[in-house]
Amino acid sequence: RDALIRHTVVAVLPVVARLDAVAFRTTLAEPCLAHLVDALRRGQEPGAAYTTLGKLFTVAGTWVLEPWIPEILRLVREGITPSARRANLDEAIVCLSMLAIAEPQNPHVMEQMPDLIEHMLAASHGT
């Protein structure tokens, strides 16, 4: 039951952001992003958290998320890297693509994108 509640809360964040983008940007973005990043760090609902982050990039704008982008990119790298405990997460790839679409000229994205794509391709080939 707790997992279902966590998943639902994470999944509804982009809807809340769309309902009142200004209020979301000014009052809710920071605690929501802190929650999502913390959930990814702890491995709780990573698929939903990556998907929600990607959607928030397109809804809230990357300027709201700018302070979080380096950490999100680090977490995306972890998400696309298979480990002994789990396969790579397709949602991490979706999050990365939504970030690249929302802010293709962001210096963090431009700097890390080639390496992330290479890393993603290598992980998909099992090397």
Foldseek 3Di string as FASTA:
>chain_A
DVLVVVLVVLQCVLVVCQVPVVCCLPPPVVVNVVVLLVCLVVVRPVLSSLQSLLSCCQRNNCVSVVVVVVSLVVSLLVQLAADPVGARHVSSVSSLVSNCVRCVPPPVNVVCVVVSVVSNVCSVVVD
